[in-house]
Amino acid sequence: MAVSSVKSWSIAALTSLLPLVSALGQSPIVAFESAEGSFQIAGGDVGGGQIRVSANEYWGVIRAAGDLAADFGRVTGTNYTLSNGESGAQPAAYTFAPVDVTNNTHFSTTAEESLSGPEYSDPDAGSTVIIAGTIGHSEIIDQLIESGLIDVGEVEGEWEAFVSQLVENPIEGVAQALVIAGSDPRGTIYGIYDVSEQIGVSPWYFWADVPTRQRENIYALSERKVQKTPSVKYRGFFLNDEQPGLSSWVSTQWNDTWNDAAPYNRHFYALIGEVLLRLRANYLWPTVWGSMVYIDDPYNQPLLDAFEIVLGGSHTEPMMRAQNEFRTFYEGPWQYAEN
């Protein structure tokens, strides 16, 4: 993907306030050469590996697992498959009721709709190399805890924590797998993206066009990793001063404008949600200039919720309402003392 000057300019505000990926500080869990006790998860006889989640897992975790399956393709040339252990399983659905954007004065919703998760493949125990799930919300993980195959005492009940380790015979037919157990959905998601980054996929692979180095062999190391709760609870982006850089780029990507504003829609916010989570962030103040995150696309807020992103607002957007909503829908001045 070529880097356009508009796109490069639009990400400058994001990258200037964030540390380099290499500065995140990680305990290695994968390597590209065999080591004592390691387990090969790519290359050799592995072929196309499979990632296993439970059918009762959070939608956002399943979506991130789908990203990891694609990330293996970026590194090895072969996408991995994703399974929930059921043959013929349909993609996971996140069901929500969109905001009624035609009701300009009172909050109401419309008929339920749903977001579709990544495609599932039939279970293949022989190719399963990674198992990921959330404590208390994953049948597989809960069974591994009950059987004593994994110990989650250091992370259970914590905020955004996870443990990852190699486990022998975790489920029927699987001799060994790298198991990721999160304390909550974001903990699991961070554990998944920890693998993505360590196999060589940058969180900025899209926004900064960071290339991915090809690898033939990837091994999960025998060391157990415990990632504790982040010291800063909320971490994220404030998308402000987006005109002209980011807005110009967005307008060239999607044509569905509303109120003659740049189309900051579900497609845009999916890309923002992904890079936030890959950076182990969790918080977003959405765009301000000429846009209304809840109104421009009624999928925006439910999508970010499904991604497990906490949505906030800036000092100019009280009560989670965009300032542009007032001038669009209401009469009179934007003054608390008068209106």
Protein backbone atom coordinates (compact mmCIF):
# COMPACT_ATOMS: atom_id res chain seq x y z
CA MET A 1 0.00 0.00 0.00
CA ALA A 2 1.47 3.32 -1.08
CA VAL A 3 1.85 6.06 1.50
CA SER A 4 0.04 9.23 0.41
CA SER A 5 1.12 12.64 1.69
CA VAL A 6 -2.39 13.21 3.04
CA LYS A 7 -2.35 9.93 4.93
CA SER A 8 1.13 10.61 6.30
CA TRP A 9 0.05 14.05 7.47
CA SER A 10 -3.13 12.72 9.06
CA ILE A 11 -1.27 10.29 11.30
CA ALA A 12 1.28 12.83 12.48
CA ALA A 13 -0.88 13.95 15.38
CA LEU A 14 -1.32 10.34 16.47
CA THR A 15 2.29 9.24 16.27
CA SER A 16 3.79 12.35 17.86
CA LEU A 17 2.18 11.59 21.21
CA LEU A 18 2.88 7.87 21.35
CA PRO A 19 6.05 5.97 22.21
CA LEU A 20 7.79 3.82 19.67
CA VAL A 21 6.50 0.28 19.51
CA SER A 22 9.89 -1.04 20.58
CA ALA A 23 9.58 1.01 23.77
CA LEU A 24 6.43 -0.74 24.96
CA GLY A 25 8.51 -3.23 26.90
CA GLN A 26 7.60 -6.88 26.45
CA SER A 27 8.67 -10.24 27.75
CA PRO A 28 9.38 -12.41 24.69
CA ILE A 29 6.96 -15.27 24.14
CA VAL A 30 7.92 -16.17 20.57
CA ALA A 31 11.16 -16.66 18.66
CA PHE A 32 12.15 -17.40 15.09
CA GLU A 33 14.57 -20.18 16.00
CA SER A 34 13.97 -23.27 18.05
CA ALA A 35 14.89 -23.12 21.73
CA GLU A 36 14.75 -25.60 24.59
CA GLY A 37 11.14 -26.42 25.38
CA SER A 38 9.77 -24.29 22.55
CA PHE A 39 6.79 -25.26 20.40
CA GLN A 40 6.59 -24.56 16.68
CA ILE A 41 3.50 -22.56 15.75
CA ALA A 42 4.45 -21.70 12.15
CA GLY A 43 6.56 -23.40 9.52
CA GLY A 44 7.80 -26.97 9.34
CA ASP A 45 4.92 -29.42 9.52
CA VAL A 46 2.48 -26.85 10.92
CA GLY A 47 1.22 -25.62 7.56
CA GLY A 48 -1.82 -23.43 8.10
CA GLY A 49 -2.38 -23.31 11.84
CA GLN A 50 -5.65 -22.79 13.65
CA ILE A 51 -6.64 -20.49 16.51
CA ARG A 52 -9.35 -21.74 18.86
CA VAL A 53 -11.83 -19.65 20.83
CA SER A 54 -15.00 -20.65 22.67
CA ALA A 55 -18.47 -20.07 21.27
CA ASN A 56 -19.40 -18.09 24.40
CA GLU A 57 -16.45 -15.71 24.07
CA TYR A 58 -16.81 -11.92 23.82
CA TRP A 59 -17.29 -10.66 20.26
CA GLY A 60 -14.34 -8.27 20.54
CA VAL A 61 -12.01 -11.11 21.51
CA ILE A 62 -13.20 -13.23 18.59
CA ARG A 63 -12.62 -10.30 16.24
CA ALA A 64 -9.06 -9.82 17.54
CA ALA A 65 -8.39 -13.55 17.14
CA GLY A 66 -9.44 -13.14 13.52
CA ASP A 67 -6.85 -10.37 13.19
CA LEU A 68 -4.19 -12.69 14.59
CA ALA A 69 -5.13 -15.33 12.02
CA ALA A 70 -4.61 -12.73 9.28
CA ASP A 71 -1.37 -11.52 10.91
CA PHE A 72 0.14 -14.97 10.54
CA GLY A 73 -0.63 -14.60 6.85
CA ARG A 74 1.22 -11.30 6.74
CA VAL A 75 4.28 -12.97 8.25
CA THR A 76 4.24 -16.47 6.75
CA GLY A 77 2.17 -16.00 3.60
CA THR A 78 -0.57 -18.32 4.87
CA ASN A 79 -3.53 -17.05 6.85
CA TYR A 80 -4.45 -19.17 9.86
CA THR A 81 -8.00 -20.32 10.45
CA LEU A 82 -10.27 -19.55 13.38
CA SER A 83 -12.61 -22.03 15.04
CA ASN A 84 -15.01 -22.07 17.96
CA GLY A 85 -14.92 -25.87 18.09
CA GLU A 86 -18.21 -26.35 16.24
CA SER A 87 -18.53 -27.66 12.69
CA GLY A 88 -20.42 -25.35 10.36
CA ALA A 89 -20.43 -22.50 12.88
CA GLN A 90 -21.71 -19.14 11.67
CA PRO A 91 -19.71 -15.98 12.41
CA ALA A 92 -20.28 -14.53 15.87
CA ALA A 93 -22.87 -11.74 15.95
CA TYR A 94 -22.86 -8.63 18.12
CA THR A 95 -26.48 -7.48 18.40
CA PHE A 96 -27.45 -3.89 19.19
CA ALA A 97 -30.22 -1.34 18.65
CA PRO A 98 -28.97 1.67 16.62
CA VAL A 99 -29.76 5.23 17.60
CA ASP A 100 -32.69 6.70 15.67
CA VAL A 101 -30.98 9.59 13.87
CA THR A 102 -34.33 10.96 12.69
CA ASN A 103 -35.37 11.80 16.25
CA ASN A 104 -33.61 15.09 16.79
CA THR A 105 -34.71 15.94 20.31
CA HIS A 106 -35.06 12.69 22.25
CA PHE A 107 -32.87 9.62 22.44
CA SER A 108 -34.50 6.55 20.93
CA THR A 109 -33.40 3.43 19.11
CA THR A 110 -34.53 1.49 16.07
CA ALA A 111 -34.90 -2.22 15.35
CA GLU A 112 -32.02 -4.49 16.36
CA GLU A 113 -29.16 -5.03 13.96
CA SER A 114 -25.91 -6.95 14.30
CA LEU A 115 -22.21 -6.84 13.51
CA SER A 116 -20.70 -9.98 12.06
CA GLY A 117 -17.43 -11.39 13.34
CA PRO A 118 -14.72 -13.20 11.36
CA GLU A 119 -15.47 -16.39 9.47
CA TYR A 120 -15.10 -19.65 11.34
CA SER A 121 -13.57 -22.84 9.99
CA ASP A 122 -14.43 -26.34 11.15
CA PRO A 123 -12.31 -27.45 14.11
CA ASP A 124 -9.00 -29.10 13.25
CA ALA A 125 -7.24 -30.39 16.36
CA GLY A 126 -4.15 -31.33 14.40
CA SER A 127 -3.50 -27.73 13.34
CA THR A 128 -4.59 -25.94 16.53
CA VAL A 129 -1.58 -24.01 17.86
CA ILE A 130 -3.15 -21.15 19.85
CA ILE A 131 -6.09 -21.07 22.26
CA ALA A 132 -7.37 -17.73 23.55
CA GLY A 133 -10.15 -16.85 25.94
CA THR A 134 -11.43 -14.74 28.80
CA ILE A 135 -11.64 -16.11 32.33
CA GLY A 136 -15.28 -16.75 33.19
CA HIS A 137 -16.38 -16.21 29.59
CA SER A 138 -14.60 -19.02 27.77
CA GLU A 139 -15.54 -22.65 28.24
CA ILE A 140 -12.07 -23.79 27.19
CA ILE A 141 -10.19 -21.47 29.54
CA ASP A 142 -12.48 -22.27 32.46
CA GLN A 143 -11.97 -26.00 31.87
CA LEU A 144 -8.19 -25.53 31.79
CA ILE A 145 -8.36 -23.64 35.08
CA GLU A 146 -10.56 -26.28 36.69
CA SER A 147 -8.27 -29.08 35.56
CA GLY A 148 -5.20 -27.28 36.92
CA LEU A 149 -3.50 -26.98 33.54
CA ILE A 150 -3.22 -23.20 33.87
CA ASP A 151 -2.92 -20.96 36.93
CA VAL A 152 -4.60 -17.58 36.61
CA GLY A 153 -4.37 -16.55 40.26
CA GLU A 154 -2.11 -13.60 39.47
CA VAL A 155 -4.52 -12.04 36.96
CA GLU A 156 -8.04 -13.24 37.79
CA GLY A 157 -10.33 -10.34 38.69
CA GLU A 158 -7.73 -7.79 37.59
CA TRP A 159 -8.11 -5.00 35.00
CA GLU A 160 -6.72 -5.77 31.51
CA ALA A 161 -4.29 -8.48 32.60
CA PHE A 162 -3.42 -11.77 30.96
CA VAL A 163 -1.28 -14.87 31.23
CA SER A 164 0.14 -16.81 28.29
CA GLN A 165 1.92 -20.15 28.42
CA LEU A 166 2.43 -23.44 26.64
CA VAL A 167 0.05 -26.18 27.74
CA GLU A 168 0.25 -29.87 26.91
CA ASN A 169 -2.96 -31.65 25.93
CA PRO A 170 -5.17 -28.59 26.51
CA ILE A 171 -8.14 -30.03 24.61
CA GLU A 172 -8.91 -33.36 22.99
CA GLY A 173 -6.64 -34.11 20.06
CA VAL A 174 -4.30 -31.15 20.64
CA ALA A 175 -0.87 -32.24 21.88
CA GLN A 176 0.31 -28.74 22.78
CA ALA A 177 -0.78 -25.14 22.29
CA LEU A 178 0.02 -21.60 23.31
CA VAL A 179 -2.79 -20.61 25.68
CA ILE A 180 -3.77 -16.98 26.32
CA ALA A 181 -6.10 -16.32 29.25
CA GLY A 182 -7.32 -12.78 29.90
CA SER A 183 -8.78 -11.37 33.10
CA ASP A 184 -11.35 -9.44 31.06
CA PRO A 185 -12.00 -9.00 27.33
CA ARG A 186 -9.34 -6.34 26.81
CA GLY A 187 -6.84 -8.43 28.74
CA THR A 188 -7.43 -11.28 26.31
CA ILE A 189 -7.29 -8.94 23.32
CA TYR A 190 -3.96 -7.53 24.51
CA GLY A 191 -2.62 -11.05 24.90
CA ILE A 192 -3.66 -11.84 21.33
CA TYR A 193 -2.07 -8.70 19.92
CA ASP A 194 1.05 -9.40 21.99
CA VAL A 195 1.55 -12.42 19.75
CA SER A 196 0.81 -10.35 16.64
CA GLU A 197 3.43 -7.78 17.49
CA GLN A 198 6.06 -10.29 18.51
CA ILE A 199 5.75 -12.27 15.28
CA GLY A 200 6.48 -9.00 13.48
CA VAL A 201 3.21 -7.18 12.70
CA SER A 202 3.44 -3.55 13.78
CA PRO A 203 0.39 -1.89 15.33
CA TRP A 204 0.99 0.75 12.64
CA TYR A 205 0.94 -1.69 9.69
CA PHE A 206 -2.02 0.21 8.22
CA TRP A 207 -1.80 3.81 9.44
CA ALA A 208 1.95 4.17 8.84
CA ASP A 209 2.36 1.41 6.23
CA VAL A 210 4.97 -0.34 8.36
CA PRO A 211 6.14 -3.39 6.38
CA THR A 212 6.05 -6.88 7.85
CA ARG A 213 9.15 -9.05 7.61
CA GLN A 214 8.49 -12.52 6.23
CA ARG A 215 9.37 -15.52 8.41
CA GLU A 216 9.41 -19.24 7.69
CA ASN A 217 9.46 -20.55 11.26
CA ILE A 218 7.91 -19.23 14.46
CA TYR A 219 8.20 -20.86 17.89
CA ALA A 220 6.31 -20.22 21.11
CA LEU A 221 8.77 -20.14 23.99
CA SER A 222 8.42 -22.24 27.12
CA GLU A 223 8.50 -19.22 29.46
CA ARG A 224 5.20 -18.34 31.10
CA LYS A 225 4.22 -14.69 30.77
CA VAL A 226 2.10 -12.78 33.27
CA GLN A 227 1.05 -9.30 32.14
CA LYS A 228 -0.28 -7.31 35.08
CA THR A 229 -2.74 -4.40 35.12
CA PRO A 230 -1.46 -1.27 33.31
CA SER A 231 -0.33 1.52 35.62
CA VAL A 232 -2.41 4.07 33.66
CA LYS A 233 -6.05 2.98 33.58
CA TYR A 234 -7.28 4.87 30.50
CA ARG A 235 -4.98 5.36 27.53
CA GLY A 236 -5.92 6.52 24.06
CA PHE A 237 -6.42 9.13 21.35
CA PHE A 238 -8.17 12.48 21.07
CA LEU A 239 -8.93 13.03 17.39
CA ASN A 240 -8.92 16.83 17.17
CA ASP A 241 -7.71 19.35 14.58
CA GLU A 242 -8.54 16.67 12.03
CA GLN A 243 -9.27 19.21 9.30
CA PRO A 244 -7.75 19.32 6.71
CA GLY A 245 -5.37 16.36 7.04
CA LEU A 246 -7.40 13.46 8.37
CA SER A 247 -10.74 14.74 7.06
CA SER A 248 -9.33 15.10 3.55
CA TRP A 249 -8.05 11.54 3.60
CA VAL A 250 -11.32 10.17 5.00
CA SER A 251 -13.28 11.97 2.27
CA THR A 252 -11.21 10.22 -0.40
CA GLN A 253 -11.91 6.79 1.10
CA TRP A 254 -15.68 6.81 1.67
CA ASN A 255 -18.42 8.67 -0.14
CA ASP A 256 -21.22 8.43 2.44
CA THR A 257 -21.22 11.99 3.72
CA TRP A 258 -23.76 13.43 6.18
CA ASN A 259 -24.45 17.13 6.56
CA ASP A 260 -21.62 17.85 4.09
CA ALA A 261 -19.06 16.60 6.63
CA ALA A 262 -16.27 14.06 6.19
CA PRO A 263 -17.64 10.51 6.47
CA TYR A 264 -16.26 9.48 9.85
CA ASN A 265 -18.14 6.19 9.73
CA ARG A 266 -17.97 2.61 10.98
CA HIS A 267 -15.19 1.77 8.51
CA PHE A 268 -13.00 4.58 9.80
CA TYR A 269 -13.66 3.84 13.47
CA ALA A 270 -12.96 0.14 12.94
CA LEU A 271 -9.45 1.10 11.83
CA ILE A 272 -9.07 3.43 14.82
CA GLY A 273 -10.37 0.80 17.24
CA GLU A 274 -7.93 -1.76 15.90
CA VAL A 275 -4.83 0.43 16.22
CA LEU A 276 -5.86 1.47 19.73
CA LEU A 277 -6.09 -2.14 20.86
CA ARG A 278 -2.88 -3.15 19.09
CA LEU A 279 -1.16 -0.38 21.06
CA ARG A 280 -2.79 -1.70 24.27
CA ALA A 281 -4.92 1.44 24.53
CA ASN A 282 -8.59 1.50 25.48
CA TYR A 283 -9.96 5.05 25.28
CA LEU A 284 -11.12 7.38 22.50
CA TRP A 285 -12.32 10.94 22.21
CA PRO A 286 -13.80 10.93 18.70
CA THR A 287 -13.57 13.53 15.95
CA VAL A 288 -14.98 17.01 16.57
CA TRP A 289 -14.76 19.18 13.45
CA GLY A 290 -18.08 19.06 11.61
CA SER A 291 -18.83 15.53 12.82
CA MET A 292 -21.22 13.86 15.24
CA VAL A 293 -19.99 10.40 16.17
CA TYR A 294 -23.36 9.08 17.33
CA ILE A 295 -25.34 10.60 14.45
CA ASP A 296 -23.11 10.47 11.37
CA ASP A 297 -23.23 6.67 11.41
CA PRO A 298 -25.47 4.95 13.98
CA TYR A 299 -23.04 2.00 13.89
CA ASN A 300 -20.14 4.06 15.27
CA GLN A 301 -20.88 3.77 18.98
CA PRO A 302 -22.03 0.10 18.94
CA LEU A 303 -18.98 -0.83 16.87
CA LEU A 304 -16.56 0.75 19.34
CA ASP A 305 -18.43 -0.89 22.20
CA ALA A 306 -18.10 -4.26 20.46
CA PHE A 307 -14.38 -3.60 20.02
CA GLU A 308 -14.21 -3.01 23.82
CA ILE A 309 -13.20 0.64 23.40
CA VAL A 310 -14.25 3.17 26.04
CA LEU A 311 -15.77 6.18 24.28
CA GLY A 312 -15.47 9.61 25.89
CA GLY A 313 -15.67 13.23 24.82
CA SER A 314 -13.68 16.44 24.97
CA HIS A 315 -14.24 19.59 27.01
CA THR A 316 -16.36 21.06 24.19
CA GLU A 317 -18.69 18.06 24.04
CA PRO A 318 -20.51 17.81 27.39
CA MET A 319 -22.85 14.96 28.27
CA MET A 320 -21.47 12.87 25.38
CA ARG A 321 -23.19 15.08 22.80
CA ALA A 322 -21.35 16.62 19.84
CA GLN A 323 -21.45 20.40 19.67
CA ASN A 324 -22.54 20.10 16.04
CA GLU A 325 -25.74 18.39 17.14
CA PHE A 326 -26.97 21.62 18.73
CA ARG A 327 -26.48 23.85 15.72
CA THR A 328 -27.98 21.15 13.49
CA PHE A 329 -31.05 20.16 15.48
CA TYR A 330 -31.86 23.00 17.88
CA GLU A 331 -32.70 26.68 17.75
CA GLY A 332 -31.11 29.50 19.70
CA PRO A 333 -27.56 30.14 20.92
CA TRP A 334 -25.13 27.57 22.32
CA GLN A 335 -25.32 29.19 25.77
CA TYR A 336 -26.22 27.43 29.00
CA ALA A 337 -27.46 30.69 30.56
CA GLU A 338 -29.93 31.30 27.74
CA ASN A 339 -30.90 27.93 26.32
